[in-house]
Amino acid sequence: MAPDDVSCPQNSRTEIPAPPGHTRRDVVVVADRFARFARGDRVLTLSGLLGLLGSGALQASGCHWAVHLGQGIDGTDGDLLAAACDKTEGAVYLADPQAFRRPPEPPEVVHKDRPENVLLAGVHSPVPEHCRAELRIHRDNELVLDHHTGEHVQGIVIVEAMRQICIAQFETAVRPGLVPAAYAGVWQRIDLSFEDFLFPLPATVESVIVESDLGRDTNLKFRATTAVRQQGRTVATAGIEYSMIAQGRIDTLERRKADQATVAYLG
């Protein structure tokens, strides 16, 4: 089964009819981090939108504004937007008011330490072999702090999102059926294809385990196909071979190889 066959709960949107004499306008708000993407009148930065709401310019435009949440908007931002929208008496509203309230996964689910570096929310596995999640890019994620190549999200974010979906699939759908133990993920091979740009808009990350070997509980082997999709477009796909190795075993192996590397360098 291909990754696009995986289903997950759909986001609910609030559809409020435009008042008589008003034209509906749909806009996306993104974190200021993605300001280069926010050009024209269809995409706004958070600070830009809050400024317009505070000035009354949107209310006076004769339009009925539906605000969709792009990347980098968290719960605190959403609360600010919701409060500002409430003051417009319905002229501006959040199209999916619950979107920013869906938290990212806990860091331990994707083997990270800092919450802002988690790239997934709403991990969902209808069966252990199939997993899907929302892409969630925090404005202070370590991979977006120093990027200057135009309006798209850099490819390393896609690679990390694919790593995280494999780890999250293991932690949430596979490991609960195993003997309790801590594991570390080790990639052996990745065959990656970039097919389109990823932009700071909603997207999904998907994984399907096509082969697994659970015969040795200290070294569990998997082969998976992963994909990142955005608005019906496939942005990137990858075939990944990886192992989930018992933490005690990987610590011993890594220490031995670290010592060997040091001896090889120093003599």
C-alpha atoms as a PDB file:
ATOM      1  CA  MET A   1       0.000   0.000   0.000  1.00  0.00           C
ATOM      2  CA  ALA A   2       1.389   3.427  -0.930  1.00  0.00           C
ATOM      3  CA  PRO A   3       1.689   6.235   1.655  1.00  0.00           C
ATOM      4  CA  ASP A   4      -1.190   8.175   0.099  1.00  0.00           C
ATOM      5  CA  ASP A   5      -3.522   5.309   0.986  1.00  0.00           C
ATOM      6  CA  VAL A   6      -3.084   6.065   4.689  1.00  0.00           C
ATOM      7  CA  SER A   7      -6.031   7.890   6.211  1.00  0.00           C
ATOM      8  CA  CYS A   8      -6.178  10.142   9.254  1.00  0.00           C
ATOM      9  CA  PRO A   9      -8.792  12.410  10.813  1.00  0.00           C
ATOM     10  CA  GLN A  10      -9.565  15.435   8.681  1.00  0.00           C
ATOM     11  CA  ASN A  11      -9.335  18.993  10.013  1.00  0.00           C
ATOM     12  CA  SER A  12     -12.656  20.688  10.606  1.00  0.00           C
ATOM     13  CA  ARG A  13     -13.110  24.214   9.295  1.00  0.00           C
ATOM     14  CA  THR A  14     -15.596  26.824  10.330  1.00  0.00           C
ATOM     15  CA  GLU A  15     -17.507  28.049   7.294  1.00  0.00           C
ATOM     16  CA  ILE A  16     -19.259  31.337   8.033  1.00  0.00           C
ATOM     17  CA  PRO A  17     -21.260  32.813   5.137  1.00  0.00           C
ATOM     18  CA  ALA A  18     -20.232  36.321   4.131  1.00  0.00           C
ATOM     19  CA  PRO A  19     -22.786  38.969   5.154  1.00  0.00           C
ATOM     20  CA  PRO A  20     -24.848  40.520   2.344  1.00  0.00           C
ATOM     21  CA  GLY A  21     -22.785  42.983   0.356  1.00  0.00           C
ATOM     22  CA  HIS A  22     -19.471  41.530   1.547  1.00  0.00           C
ATOM     23  CA  THR A  23     -16.976  39.469  -0.463  1.00  0.00           C
ATOM     24  CA  ARG A  24     -15.301  36.492   1.178  1.00  0.00           C
ATOM     25  CA  ARG A  25     -11.514  36.690   1.221  1.00  0.00           C
ATOM     26  CA  ASP A  26      -9.320  33.768   2.264  1.00  0.00           C
ATOM     27  CA  VAL A  27      -5.824  34.501   3.544  1.00  0.00           C
ATOM     28  CA  VAL A  28      -3.057  32.476   5.190  1.00  0.00           C
ATOM     29  CA  VAL A  29      -1.056  33.672   8.176  1.00  0.00           C
ATOM     30  CA  VAL A  30       2.493  32.406   8.743  1.00  0.00           C
ATOM     31  CA  ALA A  31       5.163  33.140  11.312  1.00  0.00           C
ATOM     32  CA  ASP A  32       7.341  36.180  10.694  1.00  0.00           C
ATOM     33  CA  ARG A  33      10.161  33.692  10.135  1.00  0.00           C
ATOM     34  CA  PHE A  34       8.563  33.006   6.722  1.00  0.00           C
ATOM     35  CA  ALA A  35       8.184  36.655   5.730  1.00  0.00           C
ATOM     36  CA  ARG A  36       9.674  36.068   2.270  1.00  0.00           C
ATOM     37  CA  PHE A  37       6.746  33.782   1.481  1.00  0.00           C
ATOM     38  CA  ALA A  38       4.245  36.376   2.715  1.00  0.00           C
ATOM     39  CA  ARG A  39       4.016  38.666  -0.279  1.00  0.00           C
ATOM     40  CA  GLY A  40       0.966  39.966  -2.060  1.00  0.00           C
ATOM     41  CA  ASP A  41      -2.409  39.919  -0.332  1.00  0.00           C
ATOM     42  CA  ARG A  42      -3.025  36.169   0.036  1.00  0.00           C
ATOM     43  CA  VAL A  43      -0.344  35.377   2.645  1.00  0.00           C
ATOM     44  CA  LEU A  44       0.333  37.574   5.685  1.00  0.00           C
ATOM     45  CA  THR A  45       2.851  37.373   8.498  1.00  0.00           C
ATOM     46  CA  LEU A  46       1.564  37.164  12.049  1.00  0.00           C
ATOM     47  CA  SER A  47       2.775  40.669  12.898  1.00  0.00           C
ATOM     48  CA  GLY A  48       1.346  42.031   9.651  1.00  0.00           C
ATOM     49  CA  LEU A  49      -2.079  40.512  10.264  1.00  0.00           C
ATOM     50  CA  LEU A  50      -2.200  41.658  13.882  1.00  0.00           C
ATOM     51  CA  GLY A  51      -1.300  45.158  12.709  1.00  0.00           C
ATOM     52  CA  LEU A  52      -4.123  45.176  10.167  1.00  0.00           C
ATOM     53  CA  LEU A  53      -6.575  43.862  12.736  1.00  0.00           C
ATOM     54  CA  GLY A  54      -5.524  46.525  15.212  1.00  0.00           C
ATOM     55  CA  SER A  55      -5.848  49.324  12.673  1.00  0.00           C
ATOM     56  CA  GLY A  56      -9.372  48.327  11.614  1.00  0.00           C
ATOM     57  CA  ALA A  57      -8.302  48.180   7.975  1.00  0.00           C
ATOM     58  CA  LEU A  58      -9.733  44.703   7.372  1.00  0.00           C
ATOM     59  CA  GLN A  59     -13.086  45.536   8.928  1.00  0.00           C
ATOM     60  CA  ALA A  60     -13.389  48.651   6.761  1.00  0.00           C
ATOM     61  CA  SER A  61     -12.516  46.844   3.516  1.00  0.00           C
ATOM     62  CA  GLY A  62     -16.015  45.527   2.836  1.00  0.00           C
ATOM     63  CA  CYS A  63     -14.699  41.970   2.785  1.00  0.00           C
ATOM     64  CA  HIS A  64     -15.369  38.971   5.018  1.00  0.00           C
ATOM     65  CA  TRP A  65     -11.971  37.532   5.954  1.00  0.00           C
ATOM     66  CA  ALA A  66     -11.324  33.836   6.610  1.00  0.00           C
ATOM     67  CA  VAL A  67      -7.868  33.342   8.139  1.00  0.00           C
ATOM     68  CA  HIS A  68      -6.131  29.994   7.561  1.00  0.00           C
ATOM     69  CA  LEU A  69      -3.134  29.014   9.673  1.00  0.00           C
ATOM     70  CA  GLY A  70       0.176  28.299   7.953  1.00  0.00           C
ATOM     71  CA  GLN A  71       3.454  27.126   9.420  1.00  0.00           C
ATOM     72  CA  GLY A  72       5.050  28.639  12.505  1.00  0.00           C
ATOM     73  CA  ILE A  73       1.799  29.591  14.253  1.00  0.00           C
ATOM     74  CA  ASP A  74       1.528  28.088  17.743  1.00  0.00           C
ATOM     75  CA  GLY A  75      -1.041  28.193  20.511  1.00  0.00           C
ATOM     76  CA  THR A  76       0.096  31.536  21.876  1.00  0.00           C
ATOM     77  CA  ASP A  77      -0.106  33.098  18.411  1.00  0.00           C
ATOM     78  CA  GLY A  78      -3.520  31.535  17.878  1.00  0.00           C
ATOM     79  CA  ASP A  79      -4.845  33.009  21.108  1.00  0.00           C
ATOM     80  CA  LEU A  80      -3.666  36.473  20.031  1.00  0.00           C
ATOM     81  CA  LEU A  81      -5.343  36.051  16.658  1.00  0.00           C
ATOM     82  CA  ALA A  82      -8.563  34.731  18.149  1.00  0.00           C
ATOM     83  CA  ALA A  83      -8.782  37.669  20.551  1.00  0.00           C
ATOM     84  CA  ALA A  84      -8.102  40.168  17.754  1.00  0.00           C
ATOM     85  CA  CYS A  85     -10.651  38.510  15.463  1.00  0.00           C
ATOM     86  CA  ASP A  86     -13.302  38.613  18.196  1.00  0.00           C
ATOM     87  CA  LYS A  87     -13.044  42.409  18.214  1.00  0.00           C
ATOM     88  CA  THR A  88     -14.012  42.590  14.527  1.00  0.00           C
ATOM     89  CA  GLU A  89     -17.575  41.425  15.242  1.00  0.00           C
ATOM     90  CA  GLY A  90     -17.341  38.624  12.710  1.00  0.00           C
ATOM     91  CA  ALA A  91     -15.643  40.524   9.882  1.00  0.00           C
ATOM     92  CA  VAL A  92     -12.497  38.404  10.384  1.00  0.00           C
ATOM     93  CA  TYR A  93     -12.519  34.827  11.690  1.00  0.00           C
ATOM     94  CA  LEU A  94     -10.261  31.797  11.949  1.00  0.00           C
ATOM     95  CA  ALA A  95     -11.213  29.184   9.352  1.00  0.00           C
ATOM     96  CA  ASP A  96      -9.982  26.344  11.599  1.00  0.00           C
ATOM     97  CA  PRO A  97      -9.942  27.715  15.150  1.00  0.00           C
ATOM     98  CA  GLN A  98      -8.788  24.394  16.622  1.00  0.00           C
ATOM     99  CA  ALA A  99      -5.757  24.008  14.340  1.00  0.00           C
ATOM    100  CA  PHE A 100      -3.325  25.872  16.567  1.00  0.00           C
ATOM    101  CA  ARG A 101      -4.645  24.055  19.649  1.00  0.00           C
ATOM    102  CA  ARG A 102      -3.502  20.681  18.313  1.00  0.00           C
ATOM    103  CA  PRO A 103      -0.096  20.394  19.996  1.00  0.00           C
ATOM    104  CA  PRO A 104       2.968  18.877  18.365  1.00  0.00           C
ATOM    105  CA  GLU A 105       4.014  15.439  19.501  1.00  0.00           C
ATOM    106  CA  PRO A 106       5.995  15.183  22.762  1.00  0.00           C
ATOM    107  CA  PRO A 107       9.735  15.374  22.006  1.00  0.00           C
ATOM    108  CA  GLU A 108      10.395  11.842  23.234  1.00  0.00           C
ATOM    109  CA  VAL A 109       8.080  10.416  20.556  1.00  0.00           C
ATOM    110  CA  VAL A 110      10.480  11.597  17.826  1.00  0.00           C
ATOM    111  CA  HIS A 111      13.689  11.277  19.891  1.00  0.00           C
ATOM    112  CA  LYS A 112      14.269  15.021  20.307  1.00  0.00           C
ATOM    113  CA  ASP A 113      15.028  17.052  23.427  1.00  0.00           C
ATOM    114  CA  ARG A 114      13.537  20.455  22.561  1.00  0.00           C
ATOM    115  CA  PRO A 115       9.807  20.890  21.781  1.00  0.00           C
ATOM    116  CA  GLU A 116      10.450  23.468  19.049  1.00  0.00           C
ATOM    117  CA  ASN A 117      12.417  20.879  17.075  1.00  0.00           C
ATOM    118  CA  VAL A 118       9.473  18.480  16.795  1.00  0.00           C
ATOM    119  CA  LEU A 119       8.075  18.533  13.246  1.00  0.00           C
ATOM    120  CA  LEU A 120       4.974  16.351  13.683  1.00  0.00           C
ATOM    121  CA  ALA A 121       1.507  16.711  15.187  1.00  0.00           C
ATOM    122  CA  GLY A 122      -1.433  14.333  15.254  1.00  0.00           C
ATOM    123  CA  VAL A 123       0.490  11.112  14.602  1.00  0.00           C
ATOM    124  CA  HIS A 124      -2.091   8.541  13.525  1.00  0.00           C
ATOM    125  CA  SER A 125      -1.631   4.838  12.753  1.00  0.00           C
ATOM    126  CA  PRO A 126      -4.818   2.975  11.801  1.00  0.00           C
ATOM    127  CA  VAL A 127      -2.598  -0.139  11.752  1.00  0.00           C
ATOM    128  CA  PRO A 128       1.032  -0.385  12.899  1.00  0.00           C
ATOM    129  CA  GLU A 129       2.379  -0.480   9.321  1.00  0.00           C
ATOM    130  CA  HIS A 130       0.686   2.769   8.232  1.00  0.00           C
ATOM    131  CA  CYS A 131       1.367   6.137   9.816  1.00  0.00           C
ATOM    132  CA  ARG A 132       0.498   9.728   8.987  1.00  0.00           C
ATOM    133  CA  ALA A 133       0.954  13.092  10.728  1.00  0.00           C
ATOM    134  CA  GLU A 134       0.609  16.794  10.138  1.00  0.00           C
ATOM    135  CA  LEU A 135       3.807  18.671   9.392  1.00  0.00           C
ATOM    136  CA  ARG A 136       4.269  21.297  12.102  1.00  0.00           C
ATOM    137  CA  ILE A 137       7.213  23.695  11.759  1.00  0.00           C
ATOM    138  CA  HIS A 138       7.898  25.857  14.793  1.00  0.00           C
ATOM    139  CA  ARG A 139       9.241  29.315  14.011  1.00  0.00           C
ATOM    140  CA  ASP A 140      12.325  28.564  16.147  1.00  0.00           C
ATOM    141  CA  ASN A 141      13.030  25.077  14.838  1.00  0.00           C
ATOM    142  CA  GLU A 142      16.782  24.549  14.627  1.00  0.00           C
ATOM    143  CA  LEU A 143      16.573  23.819  10.888  1.00  0.00           C
ATOM    144  CA  VAL A 144      14.911  27.111   9.867  1.00  0.00           C
ATOM    145  CA  LEU A 145      17.011  29.556  11.882  1.00  0.00           C
ATOM    146  CA  ASP A 146      19.573  30.163   9.141  1.00  0.00           C
ATOM    147  CA  HIS A 147      18.068  29.814   5.675  1.00  0.00           C
ATOM    148  CA  HIS A 148      18.168  32.298   2.807  1.00  0.00           C
ATOM    149  CA  THR A 149      17.129  30.345  -0.299  1.00  0.00           C
ATOM    150  CA  GLY A 150      13.904  32.016  -1.266  1.00  0.00           C
ATOM    151  CA  GLU A 151      10.342  31.327  -0.184  1.00  0.00           C
ATOM    152  CA  HIS A 152      10.325  27.543   0.202  1.00  0.00           C
ATOM    153  CA  VAL A 153      11.098  25.410   3.231  1.00  0.00           C
ATOM    154  CA  GLN A 154      14.549  23.894   2.865  1.00  0.00           C
ATOM    155  CA  GLY A 155      14.986  20.248   1.992  1.00  0.00           C
ATOM    156  CA  ILE A 156      16.701  19.314   5.251  1.00  0.00           C
ATOM    157  CA  VAL A 157      13.363  19.907   7.023  1.00  0.00           C
ATOM    158  CA  ILE A 158      11.801  17.278   4.750  1.00  0.00           C
ATOM    159  CA  VAL A 159      14.568  14.793   5.533  1.00  0.00           C
ATOM    160  CA  GLU A 160      14.181  15.361   9.273  1.00  0.00           C
ATOM    161  CA  ALA A 161      10.384  15.076   9.036  1.00  0.00           C
ATOM    162  CA  MET A 162      10.837  11.686   7.352  1.00  0.00           C
ATOM    163  CA  ARG A 163      13.198  10.594  10.116  1.00  0.00           C
ATOM    164  CA  GLN A 164      10.705  11.720  12.734  1.00  0.00           C
ATOM    165  CA  ILE A 165       7.735   9.915  11.168  1.00  0.00           C
ATOM    166  CA  CYS A 166       9.705   6.651  11.166  1.00  0.00           C
ATOM    167  CA  ILE A 167      10.647   7.115  14.829  1.00  0.00           C
ATOM    168  CA  ALA A 168       7.099   8.176  15.784  1.00  0.00           C
ATOM    169  CA  GLN A 169       5.626   5.183  13.973  1.00  0.00           C
ATOM    170  CA  PHE A 170       7.906   2.860  15.910  1.00  0.00           C
ATOM    171  CA  GLU A 171       7.293   4.530  19.277  1.00  0.00           C
ATOM    172  CA  THR A 172       3.507   4.819  18.985  1.00  0.00           C
ATOM    173  CA  ALA A 173       2.493   1.813  16.873  1.00  0.00           C
ATOM    174  CA  VAL A 174       5.225  -0.843  17.046  1.00  0.00           C
ATOM    175  CA  ARG A 175       7.033  -0.589  20.393  1.00  0.00           C
ATOM    176  CA  PRO A 176       3.909  -0.948  22.593  1.00  0.00           C
ATOM    177  CA  GLY A 177       3.736  -4.586  21.462  1.00  0.00           C
ATOM    178  CA  LEU A 178       7.364  -5.318  22.350  1.00  0.00           C
ATOM    179  CA  VAL A 179       9.202  -6.042  25.578  1.00  0.00           C
ATOM    180  CA  PRO A 180       9.717  -2.665  27.337  1.00  0.00           C
ATOM    181  CA  ALA A 181      13.096  -1.209  26.394  1.00  0.00           C
ATOM    182  CA  ALA A 182      14.655   2.011  25.133  1.00  0.00           C
ATOM    183  CA  TYR A 183      15.698   2.115  21.488  1.00  0.00           C
ATOM    184  CA  ALA A 184      17.718   4.385  19.215  1.00  0.00           C
ATOM    185  CA  GLY A 185      17.128   4.732  15.490  1.00  0.00           C
ATOM    186  CA  VAL A 186      19.956   4.126  13.028  1.00  0.00           C
ATOM    187  CA  TRP A 187      19.520   4.657   9.281  1.00  0.00           C
ATOM    188  CA  GLN A 188      21.334   2.303   6.905  1.00  0.00           C
ATOM    189  CA  ARG A 189      20.053   3.620   3.571  1.00  0.00           C
ATOM    190  CA  ILE A 190      17.842   6.319   2.106  1.00  0.00           C
ATOM    191  CA  ASP A 191      16.743   6.705  -1.498  1.00  0.00           C
ATOM    192  CA  LEU A 192      15.297  10.225  -1.606  1.00  0.00           C
ATOM    193  CA  SER A 193      13.592  12.103  -4.437  1.00  0.00           C
ATOM    194  CA  PHE A 194      12.548  15.753  -4.294  1.00  0.00           C
ATOM    195  CA  GLU A 195       9.645  16.332  -6.654  1.00  0.00           C
ATOM    196  CA  ASP A 196       8.464  19.849  -5.769  1.00  0.00           C
ATOM    197  CA  PHE A 197       9.020  22.758  -3.392  1.00  0.00           C
ATOM    198  CA  LEU A 198       7.619  22.664   0.124  1.00  0.00           C
ATOM    199  CA  PHE A 199       6.108  25.967   1.275  1.00  0.00           C
ATOM    200  CA  PRO A 200       5.161  27.081   4.813  1.00  0.00           C
ATOM    201  CA  LEU A 201       1.578  25.865   4.423  1.00  0.00           C
ATOM    202  CA  PRO A 202      -0.151  22.794   5.916  1.00  0.00           C
ATOM    203  CA  ALA A 203       1.328  19.482   4.762  1.00  0.00           C
ATOM    204  CA  THR A 204       1.365  15.822   5.761  1.00  0.00           C
ATOM    205  CA  VAL A 205       4.161  13.349   6.425  1.00  0.00           C
ATOM    206  CA  GLU A 206       3.453   9.670   5.777  1.00  0.00           C
ATOM    207  CA  SER A 207       5.178   6.330   6.266  1.00  0.00           C
ATOM    208  CA  VAL A 208       4.366   2.755   5.312  1.00  0.00           C
ATOM    209  CA  ILE A 209       6.480  -0.111   6.635  1.00  0.00           C
ATOM    210  CA  VAL A 210       6.832  -2.516   3.716  1.00  0.00           C
ATOM    211  CA  GLU A 211       9.180  -5.004   5.389  1.00  0.00           C
ATOM    212  CA  SER A 212      10.314  -5.690   8.945  1.00  0.00           C
ATOM    213  CA  ASP A 213      12.455  -8.169  10.855  1.00  0.00           C
ATOM    214  CA  LEU A 214      11.682  -8.334  14.573  1.00  0.00           C
ATOM    215  CA  GLY A 215      13.578 -11.576  15.157  1.00  0.00           C
ATOM    216  CA  ARG A 216      16.265  -9.987  17.366  1.00  0.00           C
ATOM    217  CA  ASP A 217      14.814  -7.724  20.026  1.00  0.00           C
ATOM    218  CA  THR A 218      18.095  -5.806  20.310  1.00  0.00           C
ATOM    219  CA  ASN A 219      18.209  -4.955  16.581  1.00  0.00           C
ATOM    220  CA  LEU A 220      14.812  -4.482  14.907  1.00  0.00           C
ATOM    221  CA  LYS A 221      15.032  -3.893  11.161  1.00  0.00           C
ATOM    222  CA  PHE A 222      12.600  -1.987   8.952  1.00  0.00           C
ATOM    223  CA  ARG A 223      12.166  -0.895   5.346  1.00  0.00           C
ATOM    224  CA  ALA A 224       9.656   1.884   4.792  1.00  0.00           C
ATOM    225  CA  THR A 225       8.409   4.236   2.117  1.00  0.00           C
ATOM    226  CA  THR A 226       7.798   7.807   3.225  1.00  0.00           C
ATOM    227  CA  ALA A 227       6.302  10.876   1.577  1.00  0.00           C
ATOM    228  CA  VAL A 228       5.643  14.543   2.254  1.00  0.00           C
ATOM    229  CA  ARG A 229       2.535  15.920   0.559  1.00  0.00           C
ATOM    230  CA  GLN A 230       1.024  19.376   0.304  1.00  0.00           C
ATOM    231  CA  GLN A 231      -2.333  20.287  -1.217  1.00  0.00           C
ATOM    232  CA  GLY A 232      -2.465  17.099  -3.254  1.00  0.00           C
ATOM    233  CA  ARG A 233       1.127  17.470  -4.509  1.00  0.00           C
ATOM    234  CA  THR A 234       3.851  14.985  -3.665  1.00  0.00           C
ATOM    235  CA  VAL A 235       6.769  17.100  -2.487  1.00  0.00           C
ATOM    236  CA  ALA A 236       9.230  14.303  -1.758  1.00  0.00           C
ATOM    237  CA  THR A 237       9.372  10.528  -1.389  1.00  0.00           C
ATOM    238  CA  ALA A 238      11.962   8.223   0.107  1.00  0.00           C
ATOM    239  CA  GLY A 239      12.672   4.558   0.613  1.00  0.00           C
ATOM    240  CA  ILE A 240      14.374   4.159   3.980  1.00  0.00           C
ATOM    241  CA  GLU A 241      16.089   1.173   5.577  1.00  0.00           C
ATOM    242  CA  TYR A 242      16.698   1.603   9.282  1.00  0.00           C
ATOM    243  CA  SER A 243      17.139  -0.283  12.532  1.00  0.00           C
ATOM    244  CA  MET A 244      15.824   0.376  16.006  1.00  0.00           C
ATOM    245  CA  ILE A 245      18.653  -0.804  18.229  1.00  0.00           C
ATOM    246  CA  ALA A 246      18.405  -1.379  21.982  1.00  0.00           C
ATOM    247  CA  GLN A 247      19.921   1.615  23.755  1.00  0.00           C
ATOM    248  CA  GLY A 248      22.430  -0.450  25.771  1.00  0.00           C
ATOM    249  CA  ARG A 249      23.708  -2.127  22.632  1.00  0.00           C
ATOM    250  CA  ILE A 250      24.035   1.085  20.630  1.00  0.00           C
ATOM    251  CA  ASP A 251      25.835   2.797  23.544  1.00  0.00           C
ATOM    252  CA  THR A 252      28.424   0.017  23.663  1.00  0.00           C
ATOM    253  CA  LEU A 253      28.860  -0.057  19.872  1.00  0.00           C
ATOM    254  CA  GLU A 254      29.143   3.716  19.604  1.00  0.00           C
ATOM    255  CA  ARG A 255      31.691   3.942  22.437  1.00  0.00           C
ATOM    256  CA  ARG A 256      33.884   1.287  20.806  1.00  0.00           C
ATOM    257  CA  LYS A 257      33.760   2.987  17.411  1.00  0.00           C
ATOM    258  CA  ALA A 258      34.378   6.395  18.981  1.00  0.00           C
ATOM    259  CA  ASP A 259      37.526   5.031  20.645  1.00  0.00           C
ATOM    260  CA  GLN A 260      38.636   3.502  17.331  1.00  0.00           C
ATOM    261  CA  ALA A 261      38.116   6.807  15.537  1.00  0.00           C
ATOM    262  CA  THR A 262      40.132   8.664  18.163  1.00  0.00           C
ATOM    263  CA  VAL A 263      42.998   6.169  17.927  1.00  0.00           C
ATOM    264  CA  ALA A 264      42.931   6.346  14.110  1.00  0.00           C
ATOM    265  CA  TYR A 265      43.199  10.142  14.287  1.00  0.00           C
ATOM    266  CA  LEU A 266      45.782  10.497  17.060  1.00  0.00           C
ATOM    267  CA  GLY A 267      47.689   7.320  16.357  1.00  0.00           C
END
